[in-house]
Every structure is written in C-alpha cells, then in structure tokens.
Amino acid sequence: MNYVITGSIGHISKPLVQQLVAAGNAVSVITSSSERVASIEALGATALVGSIEDAAFVTQSFAGADAVYLMIPPKWDVADWYPYQQQVANNYVAAVKANDVKNVVVLSSIGAHMRQGAGPIDGVAYLEVQLIEAGVNAVFLRPSYFFYNLFAQIDLVKNAGIFGSNFGGDEKLVLVDTNDIAAVAAEVLLALPLASGQQIRYISSDEATTQEIATALGKAIGKEGTPWVVFTDEQAYAGLKQAGLPDTIAEGYTTLGKALRSGELQADYWANRPTTQGSVKLAQFAQAFAAVYQSK
C-alpha cells in the first residue's frame, strides 16, 4: 500500500509512520522543513517537502496514494486561525478528489460534532463536513484532551501554586495519549479498504475530574494539595495573552475551555463512549509530568 502522511513526524505521525513502514508499506511524509528529511528517511519513509497551504503541492503529493492521513497542524503566528484551517482543509479535499483517493483517515477531535463554537476544533469539524459532502470514504478519529496539553500547567504551578483553566467541575475530563491515537490510526490504516461512507472513532486513554488530575500531578511533583482553580473566561484569555499568544489563538482556546465547562464539548463522546481505552493512564502520565516539571 502507498500511504501519504501529513503532520511531518510529530507526536502522532512519527509512531504512525513507524508502524506503517514496519508492516512493509510505502510511506511518504509531508513536511514543511527540509531539516526533517533525514529523520523521515531514517524511518524508512520518503519526505515530501512543501507547504500544505500550497494547493498544487498537496495535490501532487497525494498522487498514487491508496490512503492519506490528514491533520491540520497548529500555526502559532497566524492572524486568523479559522480561515487558515479552512484553507488547509480545502487543499486536502481538493487533492483527495483530484487523485480519487479511496481511503482517508482524519485526525479530528472530540467536540467536532458541535461544528461551531469549539475554538480550534471548528477547523477539523469543517474538514469533516467537506469530506462528507464530497462523498469520500473516511474515518474521523476523534481523540480527547491530550495529556501533553497539561504540561502548560507547569509554569502556573511554579509561579502561582495552582493548576487551573476556564473549565473544571464534576464532569470528568476525557484524556488521551498521542501514542494511543497513533495506535488506532495505524489499526485503521492497516485494515484497508475502509468501509463505504464515513465513520467516527472516539479515542481516549483515561477519564478524571480536573481536581483528580490536580491531585495526581501534585502528588507526583511533591506538591500534594495543589488545587485546580476554575478561572473566568476573561482571566483565561488574559493569561493566554500574557503567555504571548496572538488574539485569534487566545480567543480559540478560551472558547474551547468554555465549551468544555458547559459540557457541550464532550457530550457526543459520552453518548458514544468507546468500549475500550488506550493503555496510558493518568498515573503513568503523572510520572512524565514530574520529570518535565523537575527539569524546568
């Protein structure tokens, strides 16, 4: 099989490429950096260097693919987040149609069912809709809140003695490890052809309230009793701006937290909760969190 993987060799794409290559497949990886070519080739894959914002490059890159794995990478210096995501999504869909790609696997997200009102997730929701309207055979992977997003809490704990965001409360936060996402993506891609139409696959590794998260992480770093504080949306936005994020991204993450707090973001997950979860649990991540905490 010939696979084309977007997302360069990031947290999910790298282990995904490794699994596809190990199974004897031809794998091409799109990257925006020529500096990653050697690392990609060391995995046994072919590097395709160019920008996913270049429609002609994307179309050329998808030529001959039996399947493509699509993800919209973050762009931290973007002036307006959603139009950037739409542009990338449109380029992907046009390339899939031009090359008559039969199998598409998308890194979507929990909350994509909302279509609008979930901050950065709105972009992958748009990609889902475009592929549905194009009649493409696709699997939408909808992972939950990435464990590694919690690393952003380290400075807050060190400087203010708290964990926190503009979400929290009694509802459990659904958590996922990127290796667990890669494992599901590989499972789907190695079982081609995909069924006709579109399917949704939720992915999670663990579930815990924000206070349970604070308890586990606080214990791991030797700061038991560190609370999780729920900020107002205004406080969350101000904190993101203070961290140096542009308006469009600060607004996006504030909106995401608001949707989590309301329960709307995870509602479809709970209605269609998967029967199995990934292997990485909160207690295991807490040790990784402690190692990073101590290194700073």
Protein backbone atom coordinates (compact mmCIF):
# COMPACT_ATOMS: atom_id res chain seq x y z
CA MET A 1 0.00 0.00 0.00
CA ASN A 2 1.05 3.57 -0.66
CA TYR A 3 0.34 5.94 2.22
CA VAL A 4 0.74 9.71 2.44
CA ILE A 5 1.00 11.11 5.95
CA THR A 6 0.57 14.78 6.90
CA GLY A 7 1.82 16.25 10.15
CA SER A 8 5.51 15.61 9.46
CA ILE A 9 6.92 13.40 12.25
CA GLY A 10 5.14 14.89 15.23
CA HIS A 11 3.74 13.23 18.35
CA ILE A 12 1.22 11.14 16.38
CA SER A 13 2.61 11.00 12.86
CA LYS A 14 6.03 9.61 13.82
CA PRO A 15 4.80 6.45 15.60
CA LEU A 16 2.16 6.07 12.88
CA VAL A 17 4.83 6.14 10.17
CA GLN A 18 6.92 3.63 12.11
CA GLN A 19 4.02 1.18 12.31
CA LEU A 20 3.09 1.53 8.64
CA VAL A 21 6.69 1.07 7.49
CA ALA A 22 7.16 -1.92 9.81
CA ALA A 23 4.20 -3.56 8.07
CA GLY A 24 6.01 -3.31 4.73
CA ASN A 25 4.20 -0.34 3.21
CA ALA A 26 5.47 2.58 1.12
CA VAL A 27 5.04 5.73 3.19
CA SER A 28 5.50 9.36 2.15
CA VAL A 29 5.53 12.12 4.76
CA ILE A 30 4.67 15.73 4.06
CA THR A 31 6.87 18.17 5.95
CA SER A 32 7.40 21.90 5.71
CA SER A 33 11.02 21.64 6.85
CA SER A 34 13.93 20.31 4.80
CA GLU A 35 15.72 19.81 8.12
CA ARG A 36 13.41 16.86 8.85
CA VAL A 37 14.20 14.98 5.64
CA ALA A 38 17.00 12.90 7.16
CA SER A 39 14.86 11.94 10.16
CA ILE A 40 11.97 10.92 7.90
CA GLU A 41 14.22 8.86 5.67
CA ALA A 42 15.74 7.20 8.74
CA LEU A 43 12.25 5.85 9.47
CA GLY A 44 12.16 4.22 6.04
CA ALA A 45 9.78 6.79 4.58
CA THR A 46 10.00 9.33 1.75
CA ALA A 47 9.97 13.04 2.60
CA LEU A 48 7.80 15.42 0.56
CA VAL A 49 8.92 18.96 1.38
CA GLY A 50 6.47 21.78 0.86
CA SER A 51 3.61 23.75 2.36
CA ILE A 52 0.14 22.35 2.97
CA GLU A 53 -1.06 25.88 2.22
CA ASP A 54 0.09 25.29 -1.38
CA ALA A 55 -2.81 23.54 -3.10
CA ALA A 56 -0.76 22.41 -6.10
CA PHE A 57 1.88 20.84 -3.83
CA VAL A 58 -0.74 18.95 -1.82
CA THR A 59 -2.42 17.66 -4.96
CA GLN A 60 0.90 16.49 -6.38
CA SER A 61 1.81 14.84 -3.06
CA PHE A 62 -1.38 12.76 -2.95
CA ALA A 63 -0.81 11.28 -6.43
CA GLY A 64 -0.82 7.48 -6.35
CA ALA A 65 -1.88 7.22 -2.71
CA ASP A 66 -4.04 4.30 -1.62
CA ALA A 67 -4.75 6.18 1.60
CA VAL A 68 -3.96 9.52 3.21
CA TYR A 69 -3.81 10.56 6.86
CA LEU A 70 -4.91 14.16 7.28
CA MET A 71 -4.26 16.51 10.16
CA ILE A 72 -4.36 20.30 10.31
CA PRO A 73 -1.26 21.39 12.22
CA PRO A 74 -1.33 24.43 14.50
CA LYS A 75 0.14 27.65 13.17
CA TRP A 76 1.09 29.83 16.10
CA ASP A 77 1.76 33.04 14.16
CA VAL A 78 -1.46 33.00 12.16
CA ALA A 79 -3.51 36.22 12.05
CA ASP A 80 -6.86 34.43 11.89
CA TRP A 81 -6.97 30.77 12.90
CA TYR A 82 -10.20 29.53 11.31
CA PRO A 83 -9.56 30.79 7.74
CA TYR A 84 -6.12 29.17 7.87
CA GLN A 85 -7.72 25.87 8.89
CA GLN A 86 -10.32 26.22 6.13
CA GLN A 87 -7.61 26.81 3.53
CA VAL A 88 -5.69 23.69 4.57
CA ALA A 89 -8.91 21.64 4.69
CA ASN A 90 -9.93 22.83 1.23
CA ASN A 91 -6.48 21.93 -0.15
CA TYR A 92 -6.74 18.44 1.34
CA VAL A 93 -10.22 17.81 -0.04
CA ALA A 94 -9.32 19.11 -3.50
CA ALA A 95 -6.24 16.85 -3.56
CA VAL A 96 -8.25 13.82 -2.45
CA LYS A 97 -10.82 14.43 -5.19
CA ALA A 98 -8.24 15.18 -7.90
CA ASN A 99 -6.38 11.94 -7.18
CA ASP A 100 -9.51 9.87 -6.45
CA VAL A 101 -8.04 8.74 -3.12
CA LYS A 102 -10.23 5.89 -1.89
CA ASN A 103 -9.31 5.90 1.81
CA VAL A 104 -8.98 8.92 4.09
CA VAL A 105 -8.25 8.94 7.83
CA VAL A 106 -8.63 12.29 9.57
CA LEU A 107 -7.24 13.46 12.90
CA SER A 108 -10.36 15.23 14.07
CA SER A 109 -11.26 15.85 17.71
CA ILE A 110 -13.76 15.39 20.46
CA GLY A 111 -16.18 18.30 20.09
CA ALA A 112 -16.20 18.22 16.29
CA HIS A 113 -19.89 17.28 16.45
CA MET A 114 -20.58 20.89 17.51
CA ARG A 115 -19.37 22.11 14.09
CA GLN A 116 -19.02 25.65 15.53
CA GLY A 117 -18.24 27.02 18.98
CA ALA A 118 -15.31 24.78 19.95
CA GLY A 119 -12.41 27.10 19.15
CA PRO A 120 -9.59 25.36 17.25
CA ILE A 121 -11.74 22.25 16.83
CA ASP A 122 -14.00 24.16 14.44
CA GLY A 123 -11.37 23.73 11.72
CA VAL A 124 -11.34 19.94 11.83
CA ALA A 125 -15.13 19.95 12.05
CA TYR A 126 -15.10 21.92 8.79
CA LEU A 127 -12.79 19.31 7.25
CA GLU A 128 -15.20 16.55 8.31
CA VAL A 129 -18.10 18.35 6.64
CA GLN A 130 -16.18 18.92 3.40
CA LEU A 131 -15.24 15.24 3.14
CA ILE A 132 -18.81 14.16 3.89
CA GLU A 133 -20.15 16.47 1.17
CA ALA A 134 -17.51 15.12 -1.25
CA GLY A 135 -18.70 11.56 -0.57
CA VAL A 136 -15.23 10.36 0.41
CA ASN A 137 -14.70 7.11 2.30
CA ALA A 138 -13.28 8.37 5.58
CA VAL A 139 -12.74 7.58 9.24
CA PHE A 140 -12.82 10.57 11.56
CA LEU A 141 -10.62 9.93 14.56
CA ARG A 142 -11.90 11.99 17.47
CA PRO A 143 -9.38 11.88 20.30
CA SER A 144 -9.98 13.71 23.54
CA TYR A 145 -7.91 16.21 25.57
CA PHE A 146 -4.22 15.47 25.01
CA PHE A 147 -2.28 14.59 28.15
CA TYR A 148 0.65 16.68 26.93
CA ASN A 149 -1.52 19.83 26.98
CA LEU A 150 -1.20 19.59 30.76
CA PHE A 151 2.50 20.46 30.50
CA ALA A 152 1.28 24.04 30.03
CA GLN A 153 0.25 23.95 33.70
CA ILE A 154 3.86 23.76 34.92
CA ASP A 155 4.55 27.50 34.91
CA LEU A 156 1.25 28.15 36.68
CA VAL A 157 2.09 25.67 39.42
CA LYS A 158 5.61 27.06 39.84
CA ASN A 159 4.55 30.71 39.84
CA ALA A 160 1.11 30.67 41.45
CA GLY A 161 0.91 27.34 43.29
CA ILE A 162 -2.24 26.23 41.47
CA PHE A 163 -3.46 24.28 38.48
CA GLY A 164 -6.23 25.91 36.51
CA SER A 165 -8.12 26.89 33.41
CA ASN A 166 -11.56 28.18 32.50
CA PHE A 167 -13.01 24.67 32.78
CA GLY A 168 -13.37 22.22 35.63
CA GLY A 169 -16.00 20.84 37.96
CA ASP A 170 -17.62 17.46 38.43
CA GLU A 171 -17.61 16.24 34.82
CA LYS A 172 -14.64 14.07 34.05
CA LEU A 173 -12.17 15.40 31.52
CA VAL A 174 -11.54 12.76 28.86
CA LEU A 175 -7.78 12.37 28.37
CA VAL A 176 -5.68 10.75 25.65
CA ASP A 177 -2.05 9.93 24.97
CA THR A 178 -0.70 10.58 21.49
CA ASN A 179 0.75 7.05 21.25
CA ASP A 180 -2.74 5.67 21.81
CA ILE A 181 -4.00 7.86 18.96
CA ALA A 182 -1.22 6.62 16.67
CA ALA A 183 -2.08 3.02 17.53
CA VAL A 184 -5.71 3.50 16.48
CA ALA A 185 -4.72 5.38 13.33
CA ALA A 186 -2.37 2.54 12.37
CA GLU A 187 -5.03 -0.06 13.10
CA VAL A 188 -7.48 1.70 10.77
CA LEU A 189 -4.94 2.33 8.01
CA LEU A 190 -3.61 -1.23 8.07
CA ALA A 191 -7.13 -2.62 7.63
CA LEU A 192 -7.86 -1.11 4.21
CA PRO A 193 -10.10 -0.74 2.36
CA LEU A 194 -12.27 1.48 4.52
CA ALA A 195 -15.98 0.86 4.63
CA SER A 196 -18.06 2.96 2.28
CA GLY A 197 -19.06 6.36 3.64
CA GLN A 198 -17.82 7.93 6.83
CA GLN A 199 -17.32 6.56 10.33
CA ILE A 200 -16.44 8.21 13.65
CA ARG A 201 -13.94 6.67 16.05
CA TYR A 202 -13.59 8.22 19.51
CA ILE A 203 -10.22 7.69 21.22
CA SER A 204 -9.49 8.08 24.93
CA SER A 205 -6.94 6.81 27.40
CA ASP A 206 -8.41 7.83 30.76
CA GLU A 207 -11.10 9.95 32.40
CA ALA A 208 -10.71 12.13 35.50
CA THR A 209 -12.10 15.30 37.02
CA THR A 210 -9.79 18.30 36.99
CA GLN A 211 -9.34 18.01 40.76
CA GLU A 212 -8.38 14.35 40.35
CA ILE A 213 -5.86 15.48 37.75
CA ALA A 214 -4.50 18.12 40.13
CA THR A 215 -4.26 15.54 42.91
CA ALA A 216 -2.35 13.05 40.76
CA LEU A 217 0.02 15.61 39.26
CA GLY A 218 0.50 17.42 42.57
CA LYS A 219 1.47 14.20 44.32
CA ALA A 220 3.90 13.30 41.53
CA ILE A 221 5.77 16.62 41.89
CA GLY A 222 5.75 16.62 45.68
CA LYS A 223 3.10 19.32 45.99
CA GLU A 224 0.11 17.45 47.35
CA GLY A 225 -2.97 19.53 47.89
CA THR A 226 -2.35 21.84 44.93
CA PRO A 227 -5.86 22.82 43.80
CA TRP A 228 -7.37 23.15 40.36
CA VAL A 229 -8.87 26.65 40.11
CA VAL A 230 -11.56 27.44 37.56
CA PHE A 231 -10.89 30.85 36.01
CA THR A 232 -13.36 33.17 34.36
CA ASP A 233 -13.17 33.34 30.56
CA GLU A 234 -11.71 36.83 30.89
CA GLN A 235 -8.97 35.59 33.23
CA ALA A 236 -8.17 32.68 30.92
CA TYR A 237 -7.94 34.94 27.88
CA ALA A 238 -5.70 37.40 29.72
CA GLY A 239 -3.40 34.58 30.83
CA LEU A 240 -3.06 33.28 27.29
CA LYS A 241 -2.28 36.76 26.01
CA GLN A 242 0.29 37.22 28.76
CA ALA A 243 1.89 33.96 27.58
CA GLY A 244 2.44 35.62 24.21
CA LEU A 245 -0.30 34.00 22.12
CA PRO A 246 -1.93 36.09 19.38
CA ASP A 247 -5.55 37.18 19.78
CA THR A 248 -7.01 34.56 17.45
CA ILE A 249 -5.40 31.66 19.33
CA ALA A 250 -6.10 33.08 22.79
CA GLU A 251 -9.72 33.51 21.79
CA GLY A 252 -9.84 30.00 20.35
CA TYR A 253 -8.54 28.28 23.46
CA THR A 254 -10.81 30.38 25.68
CA THR A 255 -13.79 29.28 23.57
CA LEU A 256 -12.61 25.67 23.80
CA GLY A 257 -12.46 25.87 27.59
CA LYS A 258 -15.93 27.42 27.70
CA ALA A 259 -17.33 24.53 25.65
CA LEU A 260 -15.63 22.04 27.99
CA ARG A 261 -17.04 23.82 31.04
CA SER A 262 -20.58 23.76 29.65
CA GLY A 263 -20.37 20.03 28.92
CA GLU A 264 -21.17 20.56 25.26
CA LEU A 265 -17.71 19.67 24.00
CA GLN A 266 -17.75 16.13 25.41
CA ALA A 267 -21.48 15.43 25.07
CA ASP A 268 -21.24 13.29 21.94
CA TYR A 269 -18.32 11.34 23.42
CA TRP A 270 -20.40 10.34 26.44
CA ALA A 271 -23.30 9.41 24.15
CA ASN A 272 -20.99 7.20 22.06
CA ARG A 273 -18.34 6.28 24.63
CA PRO A 274 -15.88 3.68 23.27
CA THR A 275 -15.89 0.28 24.96
CA THR A 276 -12.08 0.16 25.13
CA GLN A 277 -9.49 2.77 26.03
CA GLY A 278 -5.81 3.27 25.34
CA SER A 279 -3.05 1.93 27.53
CA VAL A 280 -1.68 5.17 29.02
CA LYS A 281 -3.35 6.20 32.26
CA LEU A 282 -3.22 9.37 34.37
CA ALA A 283 -0.91 7.80 36.94
CA GLN A 284 1.58 6.94 34.21
CA PHE A 285 1.41 10.42 32.68
CA ALA A 286 1.91 11.95 36.13
CA GLN A 287 5.41 10.48 36.22
CA ALA A 288 6.22 12.03 32.83
CA PHE A 289 4.77 15.33 34.08
CA ALA A 290 7.00 15.18 37.15
CA ALA A 291 10.10 14.57 35.04
CA VAL A 292 9.40 17.63 32.89
CA TYR A 293 8.47 19.70 35.97
CA GLN A 294 11.75 18.89 37.68
CA SER A 295 13.75 19.69 34.52
CA LYS A 296 12.48 23.28 34.40
